[in-house]
N, C-alpha and C. Protein backbone atom coordinates (compact mmCIF):
# COMPACT_ATOMS: atom_id res chain seq x y z
N UNK A 1 0.86 -1.17 0.00
CA UNK A 1 0.00 0.00 0.00
C UNK A 1 0.91 1.23 0.00
N UNK A 2 0.88 1.99 -1.07
CA UNK A 2 1.71 3.19 -1.11
C UNK A 2 0.96 4.36 -0.49
N UNK A 3 1.66 5.18 0.24
CA UNK A 3 1.04 6.30 0.94
C UNK A 3 1.46 7.60 0.28
N UNK A 4 0.56 8.13 -0.55
CA UNK A 4 0.83 9.40 -1.24
C UNK A 4 -0.05 10.53 -0.72
N UNK A 5 -0.60 10.33 0.47
CA UNK A 5 -1.47 11.35 1.05
C UNK A 5 -0.68 12.58 1.44
N UNK A 6 -1.33 13.73 1.33
CA UNK A 6 -0.72 15.00 1.76
C UNK A 6 -1.39 15.39 3.07
N UNK A 7 -0.58 15.57 4.09
CA UNK A 7 -1.11 15.93 5.40
C UNK A 7 -1.57 17.37 5.45
N UNK A 8 -2.44 17.67 6.42
CA UNK A 8 -2.92 19.05 6.59
C UNK A 8 -1.78 19.99 6.98
N UNK A 9 -1.94 21.29 6.65
CA UNK A 9 -0.89 22.26 7.02
C UNK A 9 -0.83 22.43 8.54
N UNK A 10 0.35 22.64 9.02
CA UNK A 10 0.52 22.82 10.46
C UNK A 10 0.13 24.22 10.92
N UNK A 11 0.14 25.18 10.00
CA UNK A 11 -0.17 26.57 10.35
C UNK A 11 -1.17 27.19 9.37
N UNK A 12 -2.09 26.42 8.85
CA UNK A 12 -3.04 26.93 7.86
C UNK A 12 -4.23 27.62 8.52
N UNK A 13 -4.97 28.35 7.69
CA UNK A 13 -6.22 28.95 8.15
C UNK A 13 -7.30 27.89 8.30
N UNK A 14 -8.45 28.31 8.82
CA UNK A 14 -9.53 27.36 9.09
C UNK A 14 -9.98 26.60 7.85
N UNK A 15 -10.31 27.30 6.81
CA UNK A 15 -10.85 26.64 5.62
C UNK A 15 -9.81 25.73 4.97
N UNK A 16 -8.60 26.22 4.85
CA UNK A 16 -7.51 25.43 4.26
C UNK A 16 -7.27 24.16 5.07
N UNK A 17 -7.31 24.26 6.39
CA UNK A 17 -7.05 23.13 7.26
C UNK A 17 -8.18 22.10 7.19
N UNK A 18 -9.42 22.57 7.26
CA UNK A 18 -10.56 21.64 7.18
C UNK A 18 -10.57 20.94 5.82
N UNK A 19 -10.36 21.70 4.76
CA UNK A 19 -10.31 21.13 3.40
C UNK A 19 -9.21 20.06 3.32
N UNK A 20 -8.04 20.35 3.88
CA UNK A 20 -6.92 19.42 3.82
C UNK A 20 -7.20 18.15 4.63
N UNK A 21 -7.82 18.29 5.81
CA UNK A 21 -8.17 17.10 6.59
C UNK A 21 -9.18 16.24 5.83
N UNK A 22 -10.15 16.87 5.19
CA UNK A 22 -11.14 16.12 4.41
C UNK A 22 -10.46 15.39 3.26
N UNK A 23 -9.60 16.07 2.53
CA UNK A 23 -8.89 15.42 1.42
C UNK A 23 -7.97 14.31 1.91
N UNK A 24 -7.35 14.50 3.07
CA UNK A 24 -6.49 13.46 3.65
C UNK A 24 -7.32 12.20 3.92
N UNK A 25 -8.49 12.37 4.48
CA UNK A 25 -9.33 11.21 4.79
C UNK A 25 -9.91 10.56 3.53
N UNK A 26 -10.22 11.38 2.53
CA UNK A 26 -10.65 10.81 1.24
C UNK A 26 -9.53 9.94 0.67
N UNK A 27 -8.30 10.46 0.71
CA UNK A 27 -7.15 9.72 0.19
C UNK A 27 -6.88 8.46 1.01
N UNK A 28 -7.19 8.50 2.29
CA UNK A 28 -7.00 7.32 3.13
C UNK A 28 -7.93 6.19 2.70
N UNK A 29 -9.18 6.51 2.41
CA UNK A 29 -10.11 5.48 1.95
C UNK A 29 -9.60 4.86 0.65
N UNK A 30 -9.16 5.69 -0.28
CA UNK A 30 -8.63 5.17 -1.55
C UNK A 30 -7.40 4.30 -1.30
N UNK A 31 -6.54 4.72 -0.40
CA UNK A 31 -5.32 3.98 -0.09
C UNK A 31 -5.66 2.60 0.48
N UNK A 32 -6.66 2.53 1.32
CA UNK A 32 -7.05 1.25 1.93
C UNK A 32 -7.53 0.25 0.88
N UNK A 33 -7.98 0.75 -0.26
CA UNK A 33 -8.48 -0.12 -1.34
C UNK A 33 -7.43 -0.39 -2.40
N UNK A 34 -6.31 0.26 -2.30
CA UNK A 34 -5.27 0.20 -3.33
C UNK A 34 -4.74 -1.23 -3.51
N UNK A 35 -4.62 -1.64 -4.77
CA UNK A 35 -4.00 -2.92 -5.08
C UNK A 35 -4.87 -4.15 -4.89
N UNK A 36 -6.14 -3.97 -4.58
CA UNK A 36 -7.03 -5.12 -4.36
C UNK A 36 -7.90 -5.39 -5.59
N UNK A 37 -8.25 -6.63 -5.78
CA UNK A 37 -9.14 -7.03 -6.87
C UNK A 37 -10.58 -6.68 -6.52
N UNK A 38 -11.45 -6.73 -7.52
CA UNK A 38 -12.88 -6.53 -7.25
C UNK A 38 -13.38 -7.51 -6.20
N UNK A 39 -12.94 -8.76 -6.32
CA UNK A 39 -13.36 -9.80 -5.37
C UNK A 39 -12.92 -9.44 -3.95
N UNK A 40 -11.68 -8.99 -3.80
CA UNK A 40 -11.19 -8.59 -2.48
C UNK A 40 -12.01 -7.40 -1.95
N UNK A 41 -12.27 -6.44 -2.81
CA UNK A 41 -13.01 -5.25 -2.40
C UNK A 41 -14.46 -5.57 -2.03
N UNK A 42 -15.00 -6.66 -2.55
CA UNK A 42 -16.36 -7.09 -2.25
C UNK A 42 -16.43 -7.94 -0.98
N UNK A 43 -15.28 -8.38 -0.46
CA UNK A 43 -15.25 -9.27 0.70
C UNK A 43 -15.97 -8.62 1.88
N UNK A 44 -16.92 -9.36 2.44
CA UNK A 44 -17.72 -8.83 3.55
C UNK A 44 -17.05 -9.14 4.89
N UNK A 45 -17.32 -8.27 5.86
CA UNK A 45 -16.64 -8.35 7.14
C UNK A 45 -16.97 -9.63 7.90
N UNK A 46 -18.20 -9.77 8.33
CA UNK A 46 -18.65 -10.97 9.04
C UNK A 46 -20.16 -10.93 9.15
N UNK A 47 -20.79 -12.08 9.11
CA UNK A 47 -22.26 -12.11 9.19
C UNK A 47 -22.73 -11.50 10.51
N UNK A 48 -23.82 -10.80 10.54
CA UNK A 48 -24.75 -10.60 9.43
C UNK A 48 -24.41 -9.36 8.59
N UNK A 49 -23.30 -8.70 8.88
CA UNK A 49 -22.93 -7.48 8.15
C UNK A 49 -22.59 -7.78 6.71
N UNK A 50 -22.99 -6.88 5.82
CA UNK A 50 -22.60 -6.97 4.41
C UNK A 50 -21.51 -5.94 4.10
N UNK A 51 -20.95 -5.34 5.13
CA UNK A 51 -19.95 -4.30 4.96
C UNK A 51 -18.72 -4.80 4.22
N UNK A 52 -18.28 -4.04 3.24
CA UNK A 52 -17.08 -4.34 2.46
C UNK A 52 -16.41 -3.02 2.12
N UNK A 53 -15.18 -3.10 1.62
CA UNK A 53 -14.50 -1.88 1.21
C UNK A 53 -15.26 -1.18 0.09
N UNK A 54 -15.75 -1.94 -0.89
CA UNK A 54 -16.53 -1.31 -1.97
C UNK A 54 -17.82 -0.71 -1.42
N UNK A 55 -18.41 -1.38 -0.44
CA UNK A 55 -19.62 -0.84 0.19
C UNK A 55 -19.33 0.50 0.86
N UNK A 56 -18.16 0.61 1.50
CA UNK A 56 -17.78 1.88 2.12
C UNK A 56 -17.59 2.97 1.07
N UNK A 57 -16.95 2.63 -0.05
CA UNK A 57 -16.75 3.60 -1.12
C UNK A 57 -18.11 4.06 -1.66
N UNK A 58 -19.01 3.12 -1.89
CA UNK A 58 -20.35 3.46 -2.39
C UNK A 58 -21.09 4.33 -1.37
N UNK A 59 -20.99 3.97 -0.09
CA UNK A 59 -21.65 4.75 0.96
C UNK A 59 -21.11 6.18 0.99
N UNK A 60 -19.80 6.33 0.87
CA UNK A 60 -19.23 7.67 0.92
C UNK A 60 -19.60 8.48 -0.32
N UNK A 61 -19.84 7.83 -1.45
CA UNK A 61 -20.37 8.55 -2.62
C UNK A 61 -21.74 9.13 -2.28
N UNK A 62 -22.58 8.34 -1.61
CA UNK A 62 -23.91 8.81 -1.22
C UNK A 62 -23.81 9.96 -0.21
N UNK A 63 -22.88 9.84 0.73
CA UNK A 63 -22.71 10.87 1.76
C UNK A 63 -22.22 12.18 1.13
N UNK A 64 -21.23 12.09 0.26
CA UNK A 64 -20.75 13.29 -0.45
C UNK A 64 -21.91 13.94 -1.21
N UNK A 65 -22.65 13.14 -1.95
CA UNK A 65 -23.76 13.62 -2.78
C UNK A 65 -24.82 14.32 -1.92
N UNK A 66 -25.14 13.69 -0.81
CA UNK A 66 -26.19 14.22 0.06
C UNK A 66 -25.78 15.55 0.69
N UNK A 67 -24.63 15.56 1.34
CA UNK A 67 -24.26 16.75 2.10
C UNK A 67 -23.88 17.93 1.22
N UNK A 68 -23.17 17.71 0.16
CA UNK A 68 -22.74 18.84 -0.67
C UNK A 68 -23.77 19.21 -1.73
N UNK A 69 -24.23 18.24 -2.50
CA UNK A 69 -25.13 18.57 -3.61
C UNK A 69 -26.56 18.79 -3.14
N UNK A 70 -27.07 17.90 -2.30
CA UNK A 70 -28.47 18.02 -1.90
C UNK A 70 -28.66 19.08 -0.81
N UNK A 71 -27.80 19.07 0.20
CA UNK A 71 -27.97 20.00 1.33
C UNK A 71 -27.41 21.39 0.99
N UNK A 72 -26.12 21.50 0.72
CA UNK A 72 -25.52 22.83 0.51
C UNK A 72 -25.95 23.43 -0.82
N UNK A 73 -25.96 22.65 -1.89
CA UNK A 73 -26.28 23.19 -3.21
C UNK A 73 -27.78 23.17 -3.52
N UNK A 74 -28.58 22.51 -2.69
CA UNK A 74 -30.02 22.48 -2.88
C UNK A 74 -30.48 21.72 -4.11
N UNK A 75 -29.68 20.76 -4.59
CA UNK A 75 -30.06 20.00 -5.78
C UNK A 75 -31.11 18.94 -5.42
N UNK A 76 -32.12 18.84 -6.23
CA UNK A 76 -33.18 17.85 -6.04
C UNK A 76 -32.83 16.62 -6.87
N UNK A 77 -31.95 15.78 -6.32
CA UNK A 77 -31.48 14.59 -7.02
C UNK A 77 -31.61 13.38 -6.10
N UNK A 78 -31.81 12.20 -6.68
CA UNK A 78 -31.88 10.99 -5.85
C UNK A 78 -30.48 10.56 -5.42
N UNK A 79 -30.45 9.57 -4.55
CA UNK A 79 -29.18 8.94 -4.22
C UNK A 79 -28.65 8.22 -5.46
N UNK A 80 -27.41 7.82 -5.42
CA UNK A 80 -26.80 7.14 -6.56
C UNK A 80 -27.41 5.75 -6.75
N UNK A 81 -27.57 4.99 -5.65
CA UNK A 81 -28.00 3.60 -5.75
C UNK A 81 -29.43 3.35 -5.29
N UNK A 82 -30.14 4.37 -4.84
CA UNK A 82 -31.51 4.15 -4.37
C UNK A 82 -32.39 5.36 -4.67
N UNK A 83 -33.38 5.15 -5.51
CA UNK A 83 -34.35 6.21 -5.78
C UNK A 83 -35.25 6.47 -4.58
N UNK A 84 -35.32 5.49 -3.65
CA UNK A 84 -36.18 5.61 -2.47
C UNK A 84 -35.47 6.26 -1.29
N UNK A 85 -34.22 6.63 -1.45
CA UNK A 85 -33.49 7.29 -0.36
C UNK A 85 -32.98 6.33 0.70
N UNK A 86 -32.80 5.06 0.36
CA UNK A 86 -32.33 4.05 1.31
C UNK A 86 -30.81 3.97 1.25
N UNK A 87 -30.14 4.55 2.23
CA UNK A 87 -28.68 4.57 2.26
C UNK A 87 -28.07 3.18 2.41
N UNK A 88 -28.82 2.24 2.96
CA UNK A 88 -28.29 0.89 3.17
C UNK A 88 -28.01 0.16 1.86
N UNK A 89 -28.71 0.54 0.79
CA UNK A 89 -28.51 -0.11 -0.52
C UNK A 89 -27.05 0.01 -0.95
N UNK A 90 -26.41 1.11 -0.65
CA UNK A 90 -25.02 1.33 -1.08
C UNK A 90 -24.06 0.33 -0.44
N UNK A 91 -24.36 -0.13 0.77
CA UNK A 91 -23.46 -1.06 1.46
C UNK A 91 -23.36 -2.41 0.76
N UNK A 92 -24.42 -2.82 0.08
CA UNK A 92 -24.38 -4.12 -0.59
C UNK A 92 -23.68 -3.96 -1.94
N UNK A 93 -22.39 -4.24 -1.93
CA UNK A 93 -21.58 -4.07 -3.14
C UNK A 93 -21.23 -5.42 -3.75
N UNK A 94 -22.00 -6.45 -3.44
CA UNK A 94 -21.66 -7.79 -3.91
C UNK A 94 -21.64 -7.91 -5.43
N UNK A 95 -22.38 -7.07 -6.12
CA UNK A 95 -22.39 -7.11 -7.60
C UNK A 95 -21.68 -5.89 -8.18
N UNK A 96 -21.01 -5.12 -7.35
CA UNK A 96 -20.35 -3.90 -7.80
C UNK A 96 -18.92 -4.19 -8.25
N UNK A 97 -18.34 -3.23 -8.92
CA UNK A 97 -16.94 -3.32 -9.33
C UNK A 97 -16.19 -2.09 -8.85
N UNK A 98 -14.88 -2.18 -8.83
CA UNK A 98 -14.05 -1.02 -8.49
C UNK A 98 -14.40 0.15 -9.40
N UNK A 99 -14.51 -0.14 -10.69
CA UNK A 99 -14.78 0.91 -11.68
C UNK A 99 -16.10 1.63 -11.38
N UNK A 100 -17.15 0.87 -11.10
CA UNK A 100 -18.46 1.47 -10.82
C UNK A 100 -18.42 2.30 -9.53
N UNK A 101 -17.95 1.68 -8.46
CA UNK A 101 -17.98 2.34 -7.15
C UNK A 101 -17.05 3.55 -7.11
N UNK A 102 -15.80 3.37 -7.55
CA UNK A 102 -14.86 4.48 -7.51
C UNK A 102 -15.22 5.57 -8.50
N UNK A 103 -15.79 5.19 -9.65
CA UNK A 103 -16.25 6.20 -10.61
C UNK A 103 -17.29 7.11 -10.00
N UNK A 104 -18.30 6.51 -9.35
CA UNK A 104 -19.35 7.31 -8.70
C UNK A 104 -18.78 8.15 -7.57
N UNK A 105 -17.93 7.55 -6.74
CA UNK A 105 -17.36 8.27 -5.60
C UNK A 105 -16.50 9.44 -6.08
N UNK A 106 -15.65 9.21 -7.08
CA UNK A 106 -14.78 10.29 -7.57
C UNK A 106 -15.59 11.42 -8.20
N UNK A 107 -16.67 11.07 -8.90
CA UNK A 107 -17.53 12.13 -9.47
C UNK A 107 -18.15 12.96 -8.36
N UNK A 108 -18.62 12.31 -7.31
CA UNK A 108 -19.24 13.04 -6.20
C UNK A 108 -18.22 13.89 -5.45
N UNK A 109 -17.02 13.37 -5.26
CA UNK A 109 -15.96 14.16 -4.61
C UNK A 109 -15.66 15.41 -5.43
N UNK A 110 -15.59 15.27 -6.74
CA UNK A 110 -15.32 16.44 -7.59
C UNK A 110 -16.45 17.46 -7.50
N UNK A 111 -17.70 17.00 -7.48
CA UNK A 111 -18.84 17.92 -7.28
C UNK A 111 -18.68 18.63 -5.93
N UNK A 112 -18.36 17.88 -4.90
CA UNK A 112 -18.21 18.45 -3.56
C UNK A 112 -17.13 19.51 -3.53
N UNK A 113 -16.01 19.21 -4.14
CA UNK A 113 -14.91 20.19 -4.17
C UNK A 113 -15.33 21.47 -4.89
N UNK A 114 -16.02 21.33 -6.01
CA UNK A 114 -16.46 22.53 -6.75
C UNK A 114 -17.44 23.36 -5.91
N UNK A 115 -18.36 22.70 -5.23
CA UNK A 115 -19.33 23.41 -4.40
C UNK A 115 -18.62 24.14 -3.27
N UNK A 116 -17.68 23.47 -2.61
CA UNK A 116 -16.96 24.09 -1.50
C UNK A 116 -16.11 25.26 -2.00
N UNK A 117 -15.42 25.09 -3.11
CA UNK A 117 -14.55 26.14 -3.63
C UNK A 117 -15.35 27.36 -4.08
N UNK A 118 -16.55 27.13 -4.58
CA UNK A 118 -17.41 28.22 -5.07
C UNK A 118 -18.03 29.02 -3.91
N UNK A 119 -18.19 28.39 -2.78
CA UNK A 119 -18.83 29.04 -1.63
C UNK A 119 -17.98 30.21 -1.13
N UNK A 120 -18.64 31.30 -0.81
CA UNK A 120 -17.93 32.50 -0.34
C UNK A 120 -17.18 32.26 0.97
N UNK A 121 -17.79 31.46 1.83
CA UNK A 121 -17.16 31.19 3.13
C UNK A 121 -17.74 29.90 3.70
N UNK A 122 -17.20 29.49 4.82
CA UNK A 122 -17.74 28.31 5.51
C UNK A 122 -19.07 28.62 6.19
N UNK A 123 -19.48 29.87 6.17
CA UNK A 123 -20.76 30.27 6.76
C UNK A 123 -21.94 30.10 5.80
N UNK A 124 -21.67 29.74 4.54
CA UNK A 124 -22.75 29.46 3.58
C UNK A 124 -23.61 28.35 4.18
N UNK A 125 -24.92 28.44 3.98
CA UNK A 125 -25.81 27.44 4.58
C UNK A 125 -26.65 26.72 3.52
N UNK A 126 -27.14 25.58 3.93
CA UNK A 126 -28.07 24.80 3.14
C UNK A 126 -29.06 24.14 4.08
N UNK A 127 -30.11 23.63 3.52
CA UNK A 127 -31.17 23.04 4.34
C UNK A 127 -30.98 21.53 4.48
N UNK A 128 -30.96 21.06 5.71
CA UNK A 128 -30.85 19.63 6.00
C UNK A 128 -32.25 19.13 6.34
N UNK A 129 -32.96 18.50 5.39
CA UNK A 129 -34.36 18.12 5.61
C UNK A 129 -34.58 17.14 6.75
N UNK A 130 -33.65 16.25 6.98
CA UNK A 130 -33.82 15.27 8.07
C UNK A 130 -33.87 15.96 9.43
N UNK A 131 -33.12 17.05 9.56
CA UNK A 131 -33.10 17.80 10.81
C UNK A 131 -34.10 18.94 10.79
N UNK A 132 -34.56 19.32 9.58
CA UNK A 132 -35.47 20.46 9.46
C UNK A 132 -34.79 21.78 9.82
N UNK A 133 -33.49 21.86 9.55
CA UNK A 133 -32.69 23.03 9.95
C UNK A 133 -31.74 23.45 8.84
N UNK A 134 -31.31 24.71 8.90
CA UNK A 134 -30.22 25.19 8.07
C UNK A 134 -28.92 24.73 8.72
N UNK A 135 -27.94 24.36 7.90
CA UNK A 135 -26.62 23.97 8.42
C UNK A 135 -25.56 24.71 7.60
N UNK A 136 -24.43 24.96 8.23
CA UNK A 136 -23.35 25.68 7.54
C UNK A 136 -22.46 24.71 6.78
N UNK A 137 -21.78 25.25 5.80
CA UNK A 137 -20.77 24.48 5.09
C UNK A 137 -19.70 24.01 6.06
N UNK A 138 -19.39 24.81 7.07
CA UNK A 138 -18.42 24.43 8.11
C UNK A 138 -18.86 23.13 8.77
N UNK A 139 -20.12 23.05 9.19
CA UNK A 139 -20.64 21.84 9.81
C UNK A 139 -20.55 20.66 8.85
N UNK A 140 -20.92 20.89 7.59
CA UNK A 140 -20.89 19.81 6.60
C UNK A 140 -19.47 19.29 6.43
N UNK A 141 -18.52 20.17 6.30
CA UNK A 141 -17.14 19.72 6.09
C UNK A 141 -16.59 18.99 7.31
N UNK A 142 -16.90 19.49 8.49
CA UNK A 142 -16.45 18.81 9.71
C UNK A 142 -17.17 17.46 9.86
N UNK A 143 -18.44 17.42 9.50
CA UNK A 143 -19.18 16.15 9.54
C UNK A 143 -18.55 15.15 8.57
N UNK A 144 -18.15 15.63 7.40
CA UNK A 144 -17.52 14.74 6.42
C UNK A 144 -16.19 14.20 6.93
N UNK A 145 -15.40 15.02 7.60
CA UNK A 145 -14.16 14.54 8.21
C UNK A 145 -14.49 13.43 9.20
N UNK A 146 -15.50 13.65 10.01
CA UNK A 146 -15.94 12.65 10.99
C UNK A 146 -16.38 11.36 10.29
N UNK A 147 -17.20 11.47 9.25
CA UNK A 147 -17.69 10.30 8.51
C UNK A 147 -16.54 9.49 7.93
N UNK A 148 -15.62 10.17 7.27
CA UNK A 148 -14.48 9.46 6.68
C UNK A 148 -13.61 8.83 7.77
N UNK A 149 -13.33 9.55 8.83
CA UNK A 149 -12.47 9.01 9.88
C UNK A 149 -13.10 7.75 10.48
N UNK A 150 -14.39 7.80 10.73
CA UNK A 150 -15.11 6.65 11.29
C UNK A 150 -15.04 5.46 10.34
N UNK A 151 -15.36 5.70 9.07
CA UNK A 151 -15.38 4.61 8.11
C UNK A 151 -13.98 4.15 7.71
N UNK A 152 -13.00 5.01 7.81
CA UNK A 152 -11.63 4.58 7.56
C UNK A 152 -11.17 3.61 8.65
N UNK A 153 -11.70 3.75 9.85
CA UNK A 153 -11.43 2.75 10.89
C UNK A 153 -11.99 1.39 10.49
N UNK A 154 -13.20 1.39 9.92
CA UNK A 154 -13.76 0.14 9.41
C UNK A 154 -12.87 -0.41 8.29
N UNK A 155 -12.43 0.49 7.41
CA UNK A 155 -11.59 0.08 6.27
C UNK A 155 -10.28 -0.56 6.76
N UNK A 156 -9.74 -0.06 7.86
CA UNK A 156 -8.52 -0.65 8.44
C UNK A 156 -8.75 -2.14 8.73
N UNK A 157 -9.85 -2.45 9.41
CA UNK A 157 -10.12 -3.83 9.78
C UNK A 157 -10.44 -4.70 8.56
N UNK A 158 -11.19 -4.14 7.62
CA UNK A 158 -11.52 -4.88 6.41
C UNK A 158 -10.25 -5.22 5.63
N UNK A 159 -9.37 -4.25 5.45
CA UNK A 159 -8.14 -4.49 4.71
C UNK A 159 -7.27 -5.52 5.42
N UNK A 160 -7.14 -5.41 6.72
CA UNK A 160 -6.34 -6.38 7.47
C UNK A 160 -6.89 -7.79 7.30
N UNK A 161 -8.22 -7.90 7.28
CA UNK A 161 -8.85 -9.21 7.09
C UNK A 161 -8.63 -9.79 5.71
N UNK A 162 -8.42 -8.95 4.72
CA UNK A 162 -8.24 -9.40 3.34
C UNK A 162 -6.82 -9.91 3.12
N UNK A 163 -5.83 -9.09 3.47
CA UNK A 163 -4.46 -9.49 3.15
C UNK A 163 -3.44 -9.20 4.25
N UNK A 164 -3.94 -8.84 5.44
CA UNK A 164 -3.04 -8.61 6.56
C UNK A 164 -2.39 -7.24 6.60
N UNK A 165 -2.68 -6.40 5.61
CA UNK A 165 -2.07 -5.07 5.56
C UNK A 165 -2.65 -4.18 6.65
N UNK A 166 -1.77 -3.59 7.42
CA UNK A 166 -2.19 -2.66 8.47
C UNK A 166 -1.40 -1.36 8.32
N UNK A 167 -1.86 -0.32 8.97
CA UNK A 167 -1.14 0.94 8.95
C UNK A 167 -2.05 2.11 8.72
N UNK A 168 -1.48 3.28 8.79
CA UNK A 168 -2.18 4.55 8.72
C UNK A 168 -3.23 4.52 7.66
């Protein structure tokens, strides 16, 4: 597993630092999947869970899409894998491929980056329908860091179970 991640700046401003932490965690998820076959990426953790590395990638595509495009940008679009809004559908990657999952995830990350870069500040808000509240881009970006960090912990265990690889 090669580590080409760029760490956050030690003396950066708020937006630069939050953006860098988010990109670091995005790169960590990709790194955890590096060098594995579709079959390895589909390997499920343990019954009854269907969690797999590809499932995590698909889930994070949905999370990126929801928080940046639907909440901050106000786009009226369905989830990638479920027209009914069922986030659990993304976890079942048993018929998915690296190309499909990573293609969707990378497209959503690029949309997210464009939305964040276009925003005047981290104080820009969007409507979070599940909470019935306005939320700031700051909250969204920090939430995304939290989501990736949490799921990268899962990815650590999944990768170790596949081929014994451990590490950052």
